[in-house]
Amino acid sequence: MALIFIRTVIIFITLLIIMRLMGKSQVGEMQPFEFVISLLIAELACIPMADSSIPLLYGIVAIIAIFVMHQIVVILDLLFKPVKTVICGKPSVVINKNGIDEFQLRKNNLDVSDLIESMRGAGYFSLDDVYYGLYEANGSFSALENPDKSSSSLSLLLIESGKADKKNLTACGIGQAELDKFLKKQNAKLKQVVVMTVNGDGRVYFQKRGEKYKILNMEVRGKW
């Protein structure tokens, strides 16, 4: 028991030193390779702590080897910019002056719902609250705010990638006939719609595939 305690203390001190040397990145700000390295180090640390038959030195050497590899990657990252793009990736602009970029969303294995959730987390409750929105290489969401943003209530997602959300349509008091009439007026079929949202004031964000988004109005009868 005492041996395991001593081994754990030694591993803990080793990890503390290594993580301190690796820098000040917080978990949410880690690049993909840094996250992988952190997982590897945690796994390598557990093995010698739990199994006293494994020499403690093996675990320490493995942890130091991972640290050395981390430093090599960091140096390559600083010296050769293309390496950073390959290892860490690059920011993806998912909202531009024309609206949502479906290609960039799919490229990052995201959908419109994920984007709207990220925007709410950043304090934006309507898609036109920002001029540009992007996902950084570390997965965090950044935006260039629209100074004229006019969100007065929460926007509900009515159509996403050509599929209607019946639950939200009911919450807004919009029937299928009304939706069809609205789409016909915009000369669009359901499957052609990238996104359609509406807030409590009837303010609609509408984007047809291949076209710039529009701000429109429609009557809503629901309360949310």
Protein backbone atom coordinates (compact mmCIF):
# COMPACT_ATOMS: atom_id res chain seq x y z
CA MET A 1 0.00 0.00 0.00
CA ALA A 2 2.78 2.40 0.96
CA LEU A 3 4.62 1.52 -2.26
CA ILE A 4 1.60 2.40 -4.40
CA PHE A 5 1.23 5.68 -2.50
CA ILE A 6 4.87 6.61 -3.11
CA ARG A 7 4.67 5.62 -6.79
CA THR A 8 1.52 7.72 -7.21
CA VAL A 9 3.18 10.76 -5.61
CA ILE A 10 6.18 10.42 -7.93
CA ILE A 11 3.96 10.11 -11.02
CA PHE A 12 1.87 13.07 -9.86
CA ILE A 13 4.93 15.28 -9.45
CA THR A 14 6.24 14.16 -12.85
CA LEU A 15 2.90 14.97 -14.52
CA LEU A 16 2.73 18.33 -12.77
CA ILE A 17 6.14 19.29 -14.10
CA ILE A 18 5.44 18.03 -17.63
CA MET A 19 2.04 19.75 -17.91
CA ARG A 20 3.58 22.97 -16.57
CA LEU A 21 6.29 22.79 -19.23
CA MET A 22 3.74 22.15 -21.98
CA GLY A 23 2.21 25.61 -21.56
CA LYS A 24 -0.93 27.34 -20.36
CA SER A 25 -3.58 26.10 -22.81
CA GLN A 26 -6.87 25.35 -21.13
CA VAL A 27 -8.75 22.20 -22.09
CA GLY A 28 -11.24 24.13 -24.23
CA GLU A 29 -8.41 25.91 -26.03
CA MET A 30 -6.29 22.84 -26.81
CA GLN A 31 -5.38 22.03 -30.36
CA PRO A 32 -6.32 18.47 -31.47
CA PHE A 33 -2.76 17.14 -31.10
CA GLU A 34 -2.49 18.63 -27.59
CA PHE A 35 -5.70 16.91 -26.55
CA VAL A 36 -4.43 13.58 -27.88
CA ILE A 37 -1.14 14.05 -26.03
CA SER A 38 -2.99 14.81 -22.78
CA LEU A 39 -5.00 11.59 -23.13
CA LEU A 40 -1.86 9.56 -23.83
CA ILE A 41 -0.04 11.02 -20.85
CA ALA A 42 -3.00 10.27 -18.57
CA GLU A 43 -3.11 6.67 -19.80
CA LEU A 44 0.64 6.20 -19.44
CA ALA A 45 0.52 7.59 -15.91
CA CYS A 46 -2.20 5.17 -14.81
CA ILE A 47 -0.31 2.01 -15.80
CA PRO A 48 2.67 2.24 -13.42
CA MET A 49 0.48 3.67 -10.64
CA ALA A 50 -1.94 0.73 -10.72
CA ASP A 51 0.54 -2.09 -11.43
CA SER A 52 3.50 -2.24 -9.06
CA SER A 53 5.09 -5.02 -11.18
CA ILE A 54 5.85 -2.45 -13.88
CA PRO A 55 9.02 -0.46 -13.16
CA LEU A 56 8.14 3.14 -12.34
CA LEU A 57 10.91 4.31 -14.63
CA TYR A 58 9.06 2.87 -17.65
CA GLY A 59 6.12 5.13 -17.04
CA ILE A 60 8.27 8.21 -16.45
CA VAL A 61 10.32 7.60 -19.60
CA ALA A 62 7.15 7.15 -21.68
CA ILE A 63 5.70 10.41 -20.32
CA ILE A 64 8.92 12.29 -21.05
CA ALA A 65 9.00 10.81 -24.58
CA ILE A 66 5.48 12.14 -25.21
CA PHE A 67 6.55 15.54 -23.88
CA VAL A 68 9.57 15.58 -26.23
CA MET A 69 7.28 14.77 -29.18
CA HIS A 70 4.99 17.60 -28.11
CA GLN A 71 7.88 20.05 -28.10
CA ILE A 72 9.01 18.90 -31.55
CA VAL A 73 5.50 19.47 -32.93
CA VAL A 74 5.36 22.92 -31.31
CA ILE A 75 8.71 23.91 -32.85
CA LEU A 76 7.64 22.66 -36.29
CA ASP A 77 4.41 24.57 -35.82
CA LEU A 78 6.32 27.80 -35.18
CA LEU A 79 8.87 27.36 -37.95
CA PHE A 80 6.72 25.97 -40.76
CA LYS A 81 3.17 27.35 -41.08
CA PRO A 82 1.93 24.56 -43.45
CA VAL A 83 2.68 22.08 -40.66
CA LYS A 84 0.27 23.93 -38.37
CA THR A 85 -2.52 23.60 -40.93
CA VAL A 86 -1.88 19.86 -41.33
CA ILE A 87 -1.64 19.11 -37.61
CA CYS A 88 -4.07 21.60 -36.10
CA GLY A 89 -6.38 22.39 -39.01
CA LYS A 90 -7.59 25.89 -39.81
CA PRO A 91 -10.63 28.03 -38.99
CA SER A 92 -13.80 27.37 -40.98
CA VAL A 93 -16.07 30.28 -41.92
CA VAL A 94 -19.58 28.86 -41.53
CA ILE A 95 -21.51 32.16 -41.77
CA ASN A 96 -20.60 34.75 -44.38
CA LYS A 97 -22.27 37.69 -46.10
CA ASN A 98 -24.54 35.31 -48.02
CA GLY A 99 -25.63 33.30 -44.99
CA ILE A 100 -24.80 29.78 -43.85
CA ASP A 101 -22.11 27.84 -45.72
CA GLU A 102 -23.42 24.26 -45.82
CA PHE A 103 -20.17 22.91 -47.25
CA GLN A 104 -18.10 24.19 -44.33
CA LEU A 105 -20.63 22.83 -41.84
CA ARG A 106 -20.53 19.36 -43.41
CA LYS A 107 -16.75 19.53 -43.59
CA ASN A 108 -16.69 19.92 -39.81
CA ASN A 109 -19.35 17.23 -39.24
CA LEU A 110 -21.83 19.85 -38.04
CA ASP A 111 -25.38 20.81 -38.96
CA VAL A 112 -27.45 23.97 -38.63
CA SER A 113 -28.70 22.94 -35.18
CA ASP A 114 -25.11 22.67 -33.95
CA LEU A 115 -24.34 26.11 -35.35
CA ILE A 116 -27.37 27.70 -33.70
CA GLU A 117 -26.43 26.07 -30.39
CA SER A 118 -22.89 27.47 -30.65
CA MET A 119 -24.28 30.91 -31.43
CA ARG A 120 -26.56 30.83 -28.38
CA GLY A 121 -23.57 29.89 -26.26
CA ALA A 122 -21.80 32.99 -27.59
CA GLY A 123 -24.83 35.21 -26.86
CA TYR A 124 -26.37 35.40 -30.35
CA PHE A 125 -29.99 34.30 -30.71
CA SER A 126 -30.58 35.00 -34.39
CA LEU A 127 -28.54 33.94 -37.41
CA ASP A 128 -28.32 37.52 -38.70
CA ASP A 129 -26.92 38.77 -35.38
CA VAL A 130 -23.45 38.21 -36.87
CA TYR A 131 -21.79 39.23 -40.13
CA TYR A 132 -19.32 36.36 -40.03
CA GLY A 133 -19.20 33.25 -37.86
CA LEU A 134 -16.40 30.72 -37.74
CA TYR A 135 -15.20 27.68 -35.89
CA GLU A 136 -11.60 27.98 -34.80
CA ALA A 137 -9.13 25.13 -35.19
CA ASN A 138 -9.70 24.18 -31.53
CA GLY A 139 -13.48 23.96 -32.05
CA SER A 140 -14.47 27.21 -30.34
CA PHE A 141 -16.96 29.55 -32.04
CA SER A 142 -16.04 33.15 -32.92
CA ALA A 143 -18.16 35.82 -34.58
CA LEU A 144 -18.05 39.32 -36.00
CA GLU A 145 -21.14 40.89 -34.47
CA ASN A 146 -23.71 42.79 -36.48
CA PRO A 147 -23.98 46.16 -34.67
CA ASP A 148 -27.59 46.42 -35.83
CA LYS A 149 -28.65 43.08 -34.41
CA SER A 150 -32.28 43.16 -33.42
CA SER A 151 -33.03 39.93 -31.57
CA SER A 152 -36.11 40.55 -29.45
CA SER A 153 -36.98 36.93 -28.76
CA LEU A 154 -35.67 33.44 -29.27
CA SER A 155 -35.70 32.21 -32.86
CA LEU A 156 -37.06 28.73 -33.51
CA LEU A 157 -35.71 26.51 -36.26
CA LEU A 158 -38.55 25.64 -38.67
CA ILE A 159 -36.61 24.12 -41.58
CA GLU A 160 -33.13 22.64 -41.54
CA SER A 161 -31.42 21.24 -44.64
CA GLY A 162 -34.71 20.63 -46.44
CA LYS A 163 -36.55 19.10 -43.45
CA ALA A 164 -39.34 20.76 -41.51
CA ASP A 165 -39.43 20.66 -37.71
CA LYS A 166 -43.08 19.84 -36.96
CA LYS A 167 -42.68 20.46 -33.23
CA ASN A 168 -41.42 24.01 -33.76
CA LEU A 169 -44.03 24.67 -36.45
CA THR A 170 -46.73 23.73 -33.95
CA ALA A 171 -45.14 25.95 -31.29
CA CYS A 172 -45.31 28.86 -33.72
CA GLY A 173 -48.88 28.09 -34.70
CA ILE A 174 -47.88 27.55 -38.33
CA GLY A 175 -49.71 24.81 -40.23
CA GLN A 176 -48.40 22.84 -43.19
CA ALA A 177 -50.64 24.79 -45.57
CA GLU A 178 -49.24 28.10 -44.33
CA LEU A 179 -45.68 26.82 -44.68
CA ASP A 180 -46.34 25.60 -48.23
CA LYS A 181 -47.87 28.97 -49.13
CA PHE A 182 -44.86 30.79 -47.69
CA LEU A 183 -42.41 28.59 -49.62
CA LYS A 184 -44.37 29.01 -52.84
CA LYS A 185 -44.21 32.77 -52.44
CA GLN A 186 -40.43 32.47 -52.16
CA ASN A 187 -40.36 30.18 -55.22
CA ALA A 188 -38.73 27.46 -53.15
CA LYS A 189 -39.39 23.81 -52.44
CA LEU A 190 -38.87 22.36 -48.98
CA LYS A 191 -35.80 20.36 -49.99
CA GLN A 192 -34.17 23.53 -51.38
CA VAL A 193 -34.25 25.39 -48.07
CA VAL A 194 -30.99 25.50 -46.14
CA VAL A 195 -32.53 27.11 -43.07
CA MET A 196 -35.64 28.92 -41.94
CA THR A 197 -36.10 30.38 -38.47
CA VAL A 198 -38.72 32.66 -36.96
CA ASN A 199 -38.85 34.62 -33.71
CA GLY A 200 -41.80 35.68 -31.58
CA ASP A 201 -42.31 38.84 -33.64
CA GLY A 202 -42.66 36.88 -36.88
CA ARG A 203 -39.22 37.89 -38.14
CA VAL A 204 -38.02 35.17 -40.51
CA TYR A 205 -34.47 34.27 -41.49
CA PHE A 206 -34.79 32.38 -44.78
CA GLN A 207 -32.05 30.94 -46.96
CA LYS A 208 -32.58 28.98 -50.14
CA ARG A 209 -29.74 26.81 -51.36
CA GLY A 210 -27.50 28.74 -53.75
CA GLU A 211 -28.96 32.11 -52.78
CA LYS A 212 -28.28 34.83 -50.21
CA TYR A 213 -30.39 34.76 -47.08
CA LYS A 214 -33.46 36.99 -46.71
CA ILE A 215 -35.11 38.64 -43.74
CA LEU A 216 -38.88 38.29 -44.11
CA ASN A 217 -42.00 38.39 -41.99
CA MET A 218 -44.87 36.02 -41.34
CA GLU A 219 -47.66 35.73 -38.83
CA VAL A 220 -47.03 33.55 -35.79
CA ARG A 221 -49.62 32.65 -33.19
CA GLY A 222 -47.62 30.58 -30.75
CA LYS A 223 -46.01 31.74 -27.52
CA TRP A 224 -42.50 30.80 -26.43
